[in-house]
Amino acid sequence: MKFDFVIGNPPYQVSGTTNNKAEAIYQHFYDSAMQIAEKSLLISPARFLFNAGLTPKAWNEKMLNDEHFKIGYYEMDSSQIFSNTDIKGGIAISYRDNNKIFGSIGTFTKYAE
């Protein structure tokens, strides 16, 4: 089944431990969205943009080098988006469109320049 557009706020982690932290799973939702839709808009932790956190490093690199992927909004203070929440690395709202080339992110910075 194919969709024109996927919008979501996937679950960020599951119970269980990796280095005494819950295991990240939101990357699987990004991958699934890419498989079933031409366009997607997802909100998730932003740690992967800094090649940090518990998402696989190869996946982080794939996303940072995807020319069809961009960050529409980044907020370092997650409580500005989700009150009473502290998500290290902040929150990102990403957009992906198979039909557009935005250029790869490469090294992410919160500053426009």
Protein backbone atom coordinates (compact mmCIF):
# COMPACT_ATOMS: atom_id res chain seq x y z
CA MET A 1 0.00 0.00 0.00
CA LYS A 2 1.26 3.50 -0.87
CA PHE A 3 0.27 6.85 0.58
CA ASP A 4 0.84 10.33 -0.74
CA PHE A 5 1.86 11.72 2.63
CA VAL A 6 2.71 10.47 6.14
CA ILE A 7 2.49 12.75 9.18
CA GLY A 8 3.46 11.49 12.58
CA ASN A 9 4.97 11.75 16.01
CA PRO A 10 6.34 8.23 16.37
CA PRO A 11 7.11 6.66 19.72
CA TYR A 12 10.68 7.51 20.64
CA GLN A 13 11.73 4.48 22.67
CA VAL A 14 10.73 1.11 24.04
CA SER A 15 11.27 -0.49 27.40
CA GLY A 16 14.49 -2.35 27.71
CA THR A 17 17.96 -1.08 28.16
CA THR A 18 20.95 -0.14 26.10
CA ASN A 19 23.65 1.49 28.20
CA ASN A 20 21.02 1.95 30.95
CA LYS A 21 18.77 3.87 28.55
CA ALA A 22 15.59 2.88 26.75
CA GLU A 23 16.15 1.71 23.18
CA ALA A 24 15.43 4.27 20.43
CA ILE A 25 12.86 3.14 17.86
CA TYR A 26 11.76 6.28 16.04
CA GLN A 27 14.26 5.63 13.22
CA HIS A 28 12.13 2.64 12.18
CA PHE A 29 9.16 4.95 11.66
CA TYR A 30 11.27 7.24 9.48
CA ASP A 31 12.30 4.24 7.38
CA SER A 32 8.72 2.96 7.15
CA ALA A 33 7.44 6.39 6.14
CA MET A 34 10.02 6.49 3.33
CA GLN A 35 8.86 3.09 2.09
CA ILE A 36 5.14 3.79 2.03
CA ALA A 37 4.91 7.46 1.04
CA GLU A 38 6.46 9.99 -1.32
CA LYS A 39 6.34 12.70 1.36
CA SER A 40 6.57 12.63 5.13
CA LEU A 41 6.58 15.06 8.03
CA LEU A 42 7.71 13.65 11.37
CA ILE A 43 8.49 15.10 14.77
CA SER A 44 11.10 13.31 16.84
CA PRO A 45 14.15 13.75 19.05
CA ALA A 46 16.89 15.63 17.21
CA ARG A 47 19.92 13.81 18.61
CA PHE A 48 20.44 11.96 15.33
CA LEU A 49 21.12 15.31 13.63
CA PHE A 50 24.26 15.58 15.74
CA ASN A 51 25.12 11.90 15.12
CA ALA A 52 24.44 11.28 18.81
CA GLY A 53 22.01 9.26 20.87
CA LEU A 54 21.04 5.62 20.53
CA THR A 55 19.99 5.55 16.88
CA PRO A 56 22.46 3.56 14.78
CA LYS A 57 25.33 5.72 13.50
CA ALA A 58 24.87 4.35 9.96
CA TRP A 59 21.23 5.45 10.05
CA ASN A 60 22.22 8.91 11.31
CA GLU A 61 24.65 9.26 8.42
CA LYS A 62 22.03 8.06 5.93
CA MET A 63 19.62 10.74 7.08
CA LEU A 64 22.24 13.50 7.18
CA ASN A 65 23.23 12.66 3.60
CA ASP A 66 19.72 12.23 2.17
CA GLU A 67 19.20 15.00 -0.42
CA HIS A 68 15.41 14.62 -0.17
CA PHE A 69 15.38 15.28 3.59
CA LYS A 70 15.38 18.57 5.48
CA ILE A 71 14.65 19.97 8.90
CA GLY A 72 11.77 22.41 8.86
CA TYR A 73 12.02 23.30 12.53
CA TYR A 74 14.45 22.62 15.34
CA GLU A 75 13.93 23.43 19.02
CA MET A 76 16.78 22.80 21.42
CA ASP A 77 14.50 23.12 24.48
CA SER A 78 12.03 20.26 24.13
CA SER A 79 9.77 21.72 26.83
CA GLN A 80 8.90 24.49 24.36
CA ILE A 81 7.18 21.83 22.23
CA PHE A 82 6.12 19.28 24.87
CA SER A 83 5.65 20.89 28.28
CA ASN A 84 7.31 19.21 31.26
CA THR A 85 9.54 17.19 28.94
CA ASP A 86 13.32 17.09 28.77
CA ILE A 87 14.53 15.43 25.59
CA LYS A 88 18.29 15.85 25.35
CA GLY A 89 19.33 17.25 21.99
CA GLY A 90 15.96 18.88 21.37
CA ILE A 91 13.13 18.23 18.94
CA ALA A 92 13.17 18.26 15.15
CA ILE A 93 10.33 18.50 12.69
CA SER A 94 11.55 16.92 9.49
CA TYR A 95 10.22 16.87 5.97
CA ARG A 96 11.09 14.41 3.23
CA ASP A 97 9.94 14.54 -0.39
CA ASN A 98 11.06 11.98 -2.95
CA ASN A 99 10.40 14.49 -5.74
CA LYS A 100 12.51 17.38 -4.40
CA ILE A 101 16.22 17.79 -3.85
CA PHE A 102 17.04 19.98 -0.87
CA GLY A 103 20.71 19.06 -0.67
CA SER A 104 22.12 16.93 2.09
CA ILE A 105 22.34 18.30 5.62
CA GLY A 106 25.85 16.95 6.18
CA THR A 107 26.66 18.65 9.47
CA PHE A 108 23.59 20.00 11.21
CA THR A 109 23.61 23.35 12.95
CA LYS A 110 20.68 25.19 14.45
CA TYR A 111 21.83 28.40 12.80
CA ALA A 112 20.62 29.33 9.31
CA GLU A 113 24.10 30.15 8.01
